[in-house]
Amino acid sequence: MMNFGYGGVFGLLILIGDIWAIINIFQSSVSNEKKLIWIIAVVLLPVLGLILWFFLGPRDRAP
């Protein structure tokens, strides 16, 4: 029987948020260098990177 608890659920939500952020970073129209920097930030700092990207990251998407 799987016993996730609150830590497992929180970790799963962070993982989903990080994947969503990375997909949106790839779809943005900013330069490749900025995309790489944001992806590194989200991967290396999952919670902080996700929060920073949410408030400071690129907003537009490629057509």
PDB file of N, CA and C in Angstrom:
ATOM      1  N   MET A   1       0.840  -1.183   0.000  1.00  0.00           N
ATOM      2  CA  MET A   1       0.000   0.000   0.000  1.00  0.00           C
ATOM      3  C   MET A   1       0.884   1.246   0.000  1.00  0.00           C
ATOM      4  N   MET A   2       0.551   2.206  -0.834  1.00  0.00           N
ATOM      5  CA  MET A   2       1.351   3.421  -0.943  1.00  0.00           C
ATOM      6  C   MET A   2       0.891   4.441   0.088  1.00  0.00           C
ATOM      7  N   ASN A   3       1.847   4.959   0.851  1.00  0.00           N
ATOM      8  CA  ASN A   3       1.556   5.949   1.862  1.00  0.00           C
ATOM      9  C   ASN A   3       2.326   7.223   1.529  1.00  0.00           C
ATOM     10  N   PHE A   4       1.681   8.143   0.819  1.00  0.00           N
ATOM     11  CA  PHE A   4       2.351   9.358   0.391  1.00  0.00           C
ATOM     12  C   PHE A   4       2.457  10.376   1.512  1.00  0.00           C
ATOM     13  N   GLY A   5       1.390  10.641   2.215  1.00  0.00           N
ATOM     14  CA  GLY A   5       1.397  11.677   3.236  1.00  0.00           C
ATOM     15  C   GLY A   5       1.425  13.051   2.594  1.00  0.00           C
ATOM     16  N   TYR A   6       1.587  14.068   3.426  1.00  0.00           N
ATOM     17  CA  TYR A   6       1.579  15.440   2.919  1.00  0.00           C
ATOM     18  C   TYR A   6       2.857  15.768   2.160  1.00  0.00           C
ATOM     19  N   GLY A   7       3.982  15.235   2.562  1.00  0.00           N
ATOM     20  CA  GLY A   7       5.245  15.492   1.874  1.00  0.00           C
ATOM     21  C   GLY A   7       5.215  14.993   0.446  1.00  0.00           C
ATOM     22  N   GLY A   8       4.644  13.824   0.232  1.00  0.00           N
ATOM     23  CA  GLY A   8       4.557  13.261  -1.109  1.00  0.00           C
ATOM     24  C   GLY A   8       3.633  14.050  -2.008  1.00  0.00           C
ATOM     25  N   VAL A   9       2.510  14.486  -1.457  1.00  0.00           N
ATOM     26  CA  VAL A   9       1.561  15.276  -2.234  1.00  0.00           C
ATOM     27  C   VAL A   9       2.177  16.631  -2.584  1.00  0.00           C
ATOM     28  N   PHE A  10       2.840  17.259  -1.628  1.00  0.00           N
ATOM     29  CA  PHE A  10       3.494  18.546  -1.874  1.00  0.00           C
ATOM     30  C   PHE A  10       4.580  18.391  -2.935  1.00  0.00           C
ATOM     31  N   GLY A  11       5.377  17.341  -2.845  1.00  0.00           N
ATOM     32  CA  GLY A  11       6.423  17.088  -3.833  1.00  0.00           C
ATOM     33  C   GLY A  11       5.850  16.853  -5.217  1.00  0.00           C
ATOM     34  N   LEU A  12       4.738  16.135  -5.279  1.00  0.00           N
ATOM     35  CA  LEU A  12       4.087  15.883  -6.563  1.00  0.00           C
ATOM     36  C   LEU A  12       3.558  17.187  -7.171  1.00  0.00           C
ATOM     37  N   LEU A  13       2.978  18.049  -6.349  1.00  0.00           N
ATOM     38  CA  LEU A  13       2.495  19.338  -6.843  1.00  0.00           C
ATOM     39  C   LEU A  13       3.640  20.209  -7.349  1.00  0.00           C
ATOM     40  N   ILE A  14       4.769  20.204  -6.661  1.00  0.00           N
ATOM     41  CA  ILE A  14       5.939  20.958  -7.106  1.00  0.00           C
ATOM     42  C   ILE A  14       6.443  20.403  -8.435  1.00  0.00           C
ATOM     43  N   LEU A  15       6.490  19.082  -8.562  1.00  0.00           N
ATOM     44  CA  LEU A  15       6.933  18.462  -9.816  1.00  0.00           C
ATOM     45  C   LEU A  15       6.020  18.851 -10.967  1.00  0.00           C
ATOM     46  N   ILE A  16       4.731  18.810 -10.756  1.00  0.00           N
ATOM     47  CA  ILE A  16       3.773  19.196 -11.795  1.00  0.00           C
ATOM     48  C   ILE A  16       3.953  20.667 -12.164  1.00  0.00           C
ATOM     49  N   GLY A  17       4.126  21.519 -11.157  1.00  0.00           N
ATOM     50  CA  GLY A  17       4.347  22.936 -11.415  1.00  0.00           C
ATOM     51  C   GLY A  17       5.625  23.189 -12.186  1.00  0.00           C
ATOM     52  N   ASP A  18       6.692  22.465 -11.840  1.00  0.00           N
ATOM     53  CA  ASP A  18       7.963  22.623 -12.549  1.00  0.00           C
ATOM     54  C   ASP A  18       7.850  22.180 -14.005  1.00  0.00           C
ATOM     55  N   ILE A  19       7.182  21.082 -14.244  1.00  0.00           N
ATOM     56  CA  ILE A  19       6.993  20.614 -15.627  1.00  0.00           C
ATOM     57  C   ILE A  19       6.174  21.625 -16.419  1.00  0.00           C
ATOM     58  N   TRP A  20       5.136  22.161 -15.813  1.00  0.00           N
ATOM     59  CA  TRP A  20       4.309  23.182 -16.456  1.00  0.00           C
ATOM     60  C   TRP A  20       5.137  24.424 -16.772  1.00  0.00           C
ATOM     61  N   ALA A  21       5.982  24.837 -15.836  1.00  0.00           N
ATOM     62  CA  ALA A  21       6.830  26.010 -16.055  1.00  0.00           C
ATOM     63  C   ALA A  21       7.813  25.769 -17.195  1.00  0.00           C
ATOM     64  N   ILE A  22       8.435  24.606 -17.227  1.00  0.00           N
ATOM     65  CA  ILE A  22       9.407  24.298 -18.274  1.00  0.00           C
ATOM     66  C   ILE A  22       8.740  24.281 -19.648  1.00  0.00           C
ATOM     67  N   ILE A  23       7.554  23.718 -19.735  1.00  0.00           N
ATOM     68  CA  ILE A  23       6.822  23.712 -21.006  1.00  0.00           C
ATOM     69  C   ILE A  23       6.529  25.142 -21.451  1.00  0.00           C
ATOM     70  N   ASN A  24       6.087  25.983 -20.525  1.00  0.00           N
ATOM     71  CA  ASN A  24       5.796  27.378 -20.859  1.00  0.00           C
ATOM     72  C   ASN A  24       7.053  28.150 -21.215  1.00  0.00           C
ATOM     73  N   ILE A  25       8.168  27.834 -20.594  1.00  0.00           N
ATOM     74  CA  ILE A  25       9.432  28.479 -20.932  1.00  0.00           C
ATOM     75  C   ILE A  25       9.818  28.128 -22.367  1.00  0.00           C
ATOM     76  N   PHE A  26       9.690  26.851 -22.735  1.00  0.00           N
ATOM     77  CA  PHE A  26      10.000  26.439 -24.104  1.00  0.00           C
ATOM     78  C   PHE A  26       9.099  27.137 -25.117  1.00  0.00           C
ATOM     79  N   GLN A  27       7.850  27.396 -24.770  1.00  0.00           N
ATOM     80  CA  GLN A  27       6.896  28.000 -25.693  1.00  0.00           C
ATOM     81  C   GLN A  27       7.029  29.513 -25.779  1.00  0.00           C
ATOM     82  N   SER A  28       7.788  30.119 -24.894  1.00  0.00           N
ATOM     83  CA  SER A  28       7.919  31.580 -24.918  1.00  0.00           C
ATOM     84  C   SER A  28       8.791  32.010 -26.096  1.00  0.00           C
ATOM     85  N   SER A  29       8.693  33.292 -26.433  1.00  0.00           N
ATOM     86  CA  SER A  29       9.439  33.803 -27.577  1.00  0.00           C
ATOM     87  C   SER A  29      10.715  34.537 -27.176  1.00  0.00           C
ATOM     88  N   VAL A  30      11.173  34.363 -25.954  1.00  0.00           N
ATOM     89  CA  VAL A  30      12.416  35.003 -25.519  1.00  0.00           C
ATOM     90  C   VAL A  30      13.605  34.265 -26.130  1.00  0.00           C
ATOM     91  N   SER A  31      14.777  34.844 -25.979  1.00  0.00           N
ATOM     92  CA  SER A  31      15.974  34.246 -26.568  1.00  0.00           C
ATOM     93  C   SER A  31      16.294  32.897 -25.919  1.00  0.00           C
ATOM     94  N   ASN A  32      17.050  32.095 -26.645  1.00  0.00           N
ATOM     95  CA  ASN A  32      17.418  30.773 -26.138  1.00  0.00           C
ATOM     96  C   ASN A  32      18.255  30.860 -24.872  1.00  0.00           C
ATOM     97  N   GLU A  33      19.058  31.906 -24.743  1.00  0.00           N
ATOM     98  CA  GLU A  33      19.875  32.065 -23.537  1.00  0.00           C
ATOM     99  C   GLU A  33      19.001  32.287 -22.308  1.00  0.00           C
ATOM    100  N   LYS A  34      17.981  33.113 -22.450  1.00  0.00           N
ATOM    101  CA  LYS A  34      17.066  33.360 -21.338  1.00  0.00           C
ATOM    102  C   LYS A  34      16.265  32.110 -20.999  1.00  0.00           C
ATOM    103  N   LYS A  35      15.863  31.362 -22.031  1.00  0.00           N
ATOM    104  CA  LYS A  35      15.153  30.106 -21.789  1.00  0.00           C
ATOM    105  C   LYS A  35      16.027  29.154 -20.982  1.00  0.00           C
ATOM    106  N   LEU A  36      17.295  29.041 -21.372  1.00  0.00           N
ATOM    107  CA  LEU A  36      18.214  28.143 -20.677  1.00  0.00           C
ATOM    108  C   LEU A  36      18.392  28.559 -19.226  1.00  0.00           C
ATOM    109  N   ILE A  37      18.532  29.856 -18.983  1.00  0.00           N
ATOM    110  CA  ILE A  37      18.697  30.346 -17.614  1.00  0.00           C
ATOM    111  C   ILE A  37      17.466  30.024 -16.775  1.00  0.00           C
ATOM    112  N   TRP A  38      16.280  30.245 -17.310  1.00  0.00           N
ATOM    113  CA  TRP A  38      15.060  29.953 -16.560  1.00  0.00           C
ATOM    114  C   TRP A  38      14.901  28.454 -16.303  1.00  0.00           C
ATOM    115  N   ILE A  39      15.222  27.645 -17.292  1.00  0.00           N
ATOM    116  CA  ILE A  39      15.098  26.192 -17.103  1.00  0.00           C
ATOM    117  C   ILE A  39      16.073  25.713 -16.045  1.00  0.00           C
ATOM    118  N   ILE A  40      17.303  26.210 -16.064  1.00  0.00           N
ATOM    119  CA  ILE A  40      18.284  25.834 -15.040  1.00  0.00           C
ATOM    120  C   ILE A  40      17.794  26.255 -13.657  1.00  0.00           C
ATOM    121  N   ALA A  41      17.234  27.462 -13.555  1.00  0.00           N
ATOM    122  CA  ALA A  41      16.720  27.943 -12.262  1.00  0.00           C
ATOM    123  C   ALA A  41      15.597  27.052 -11.756  1.00  0.00           C
ATOM    124  N   VAL A  42      14.677  26.658 -12.633  1.00  0.00           N
ATOM    125  CA  VAL A  42      13.546  25.826 -12.213  1.00  0.00           C
ATOM    126  C   VAL A  42      14.001  24.420 -11.845  1.00  0.00           C
ATOM    127  N   VAL A  43      14.976  23.883 -12.566  1.00  0.00           N
ATOM    128  CA  VAL A  43      15.433  22.518 -12.295  1.00  0.00           C
ATOM    129  C   VAL A  43      16.283  22.451 -11.023  1.00  0.00           C
ATOM    130  N   LEU A  44      17.191  23.417 -10.852  1.00  0.00           N
ATOM    131  CA  LEU A  44      18.093  23.371  -9.700  1.00  0.00           C
ATOM    132  C   LEU A  44      17.434  23.861  -8.410  1.00  0.00           C
ATOM    133  N   LEU A  45      16.485  24.771  -8.529  1.00  0.00           N
ATOM    134  CA  LEU A  45      15.779  25.311  -7.361  1.00  0.00           C
ATOM    135  C   LEU A  45      14.278  25.121  -7.582  1.00  0.00           C
ATOM    136  N   PRO A  46      13.777  23.912  -7.394  1.00  0.00           N
ATOM    137  CA  PRO A  46      12.398  23.616  -7.799  1.00  0.00           C
ATOM    138  C   PRO A  46      11.342  24.562  -7.218  1.00  0.00           C
ATOM    139  N   VAL A  47      11.376  24.820  -5.936  1.00  0.00           N
ATOM    140  CA  VAL A  47      10.343  25.667  -5.335  1.00  0.00           C
ATOM    141  C   VAL A  47      10.625  27.139  -5.619  1.00  0.00           C
ATOM    142  N   LEU A  48      11.829  27.594  -5.308  1.00  0.00           N
ATOM    143  CA  LEU A  48      12.186  28.996  -5.512  1.00  0.00           C
ATOM    144  C   LEU A  48      12.176  29.355  -6.996  1.00  0.00           C
ATOM    145  N   GLY A  49      12.701  28.476  -7.833  1.00  0.00           N
ATOM    146  CA  GLY A  49      12.712  28.722  -9.274  1.00  0.00           C
ATOM    147  C   GLY A  49      11.310  28.838  -9.836  1.00  0.00           C
ATOM    148  N   LEU A  50      10.408  27.981  -9.361  1.00  0.00           N
ATOM    149  CA  LEU A  50       9.016  28.036  -9.818  1.00  0.00           C
ATOM    150  C   LEU A  50       8.363  29.342  -9.392  1.00  0.00           C
ATOM    151  N   ILE A  51       8.586  29.773  -8.171  1.00  0.00           N
ATOM    152  CA  ILE A  51       8.013  31.024  -7.675  1.00  0.00           C
ATOM    153  C   ILE A  51       8.586  32.214  -8.452  1.00  0.00           C
ATOM    154  N   LEU A  52       9.905  32.233  -8.636  1.00  0.00           N
ATOM    155  CA  LEU A  52      10.528  33.329  -9.378  1.00  0.00           C
ATOM    156  C   LEU A  52      10.026  33.372 -10.811  1.00  0.00           C
ATOM    157  N   TRP A  53       9.943  32.204 -11.450  1.00  0.00           N
ATOM    158  CA  TRP A  53       9.460  32.165 -12.826  1.00  0.00           C
ATOM    159  C   TRP A  53       8.019  32.675 -12.899  1.00  0.00           C
ATOM    160  N   PHE A  54       7.194  32.289 -11.931  1.00  0.00           N
ATOM    161  CA  PHE A  54       5.790  32.689 -11.945  1.00  0.00           C
ATOM    162  C   PHE A  54       5.645  34.204 -11.901  1.00  0.00           C
ATOM    163  N   PHE A  55       6.471  34.872 -11.091  1.00  0.00           N
ATOM    164  CA  PHE A  55       6.350  36.313 -10.940  1.00  0.00           C
ATOM    165  C   PHE A  55       7.231  37.113 -11.911  1.00  0.00           C
ATOM    166  N   LEU A  56       8.366  36.571 -12.320  1.00  0.00           N
ATOM    167  CA  LEU A  56       9.320  37.334 -13.115  1.00  0.00           C
ATOM    168  C   LEU A  56       9.574  36.785 -14.513  1.00  0.00           C
ATOM    169  N   GLY A  57       9.086  35.595 -14.790  1.00  0.00           N
ATOM    170  CA  GLY A  57       9.404  34.928 -16.044  1.00  0.00           C
ATOM    171  C   GLY A  57       8.713  35.512 -17.248  1.00  0.00           C
ATOM    172  N   PRO A  58       9.100  35.025 -18.437  1.00  0.00           N
ATOM    173  CA  PRO A  58       8.501  35.520 -19.684  1.00  0.00           C
ATOM    174  C   PRO A  58       7.013  35.207 -19.758  1.00  0.00           C
ATOM    175  N   ARG A  59       6.248  36.135 -20.271  1.00  0.00           N
ATOM    176  CA  ARG A  59       4.789  35.996 -20.318  1.00  0.00           C
ATOM    177  C   ARG A  59       4.250  35.643 -21.687  1.00  0.00           C
ATOM    178  N   ASP A  60       4.963  35.994 -22.738  1.00  0.00           N
ATOM    179  CA  ASP A  60       4.422  35.779 -24.077  1.00  0.00           C
ATOM    180  C   ASP A  60       4.812  34.407 -24.612  1.00  0.00           C
ATOM    181  N   ARG A  61       4.034  33.968 -25.594  1.00  0.00           N
ATOM    182  CA  ARG A  61       4.288  32.672 -26.225  1.00  0.00           C
ATOM    183  C   ARG A  61       4.590  32.869 -27.695  1.00  0.00           C
ATOM    184  N   ALA A  62       5.322  31.928 -28.246  1.00  0.00           N
ATOM    185  CA  ALA A  62       5.646  31.978 -29.673  1.00  0.00           C
ATOM    186  C   ALA A  62       4.361  31.712 -30.478  1.00  0.00           C
ATOM    187  N   PRO A  63       4.195  32.362 -31.621  1.00  0.00           N
ATOM    188  CA  PRO A  63       2.976  32.159 -32.437  1.00  0.00           C
ATOM    189  C   PRO A  63       2.913  30.788 -33.053  1.00  0.00           C
TER     190      PRO A  63
END
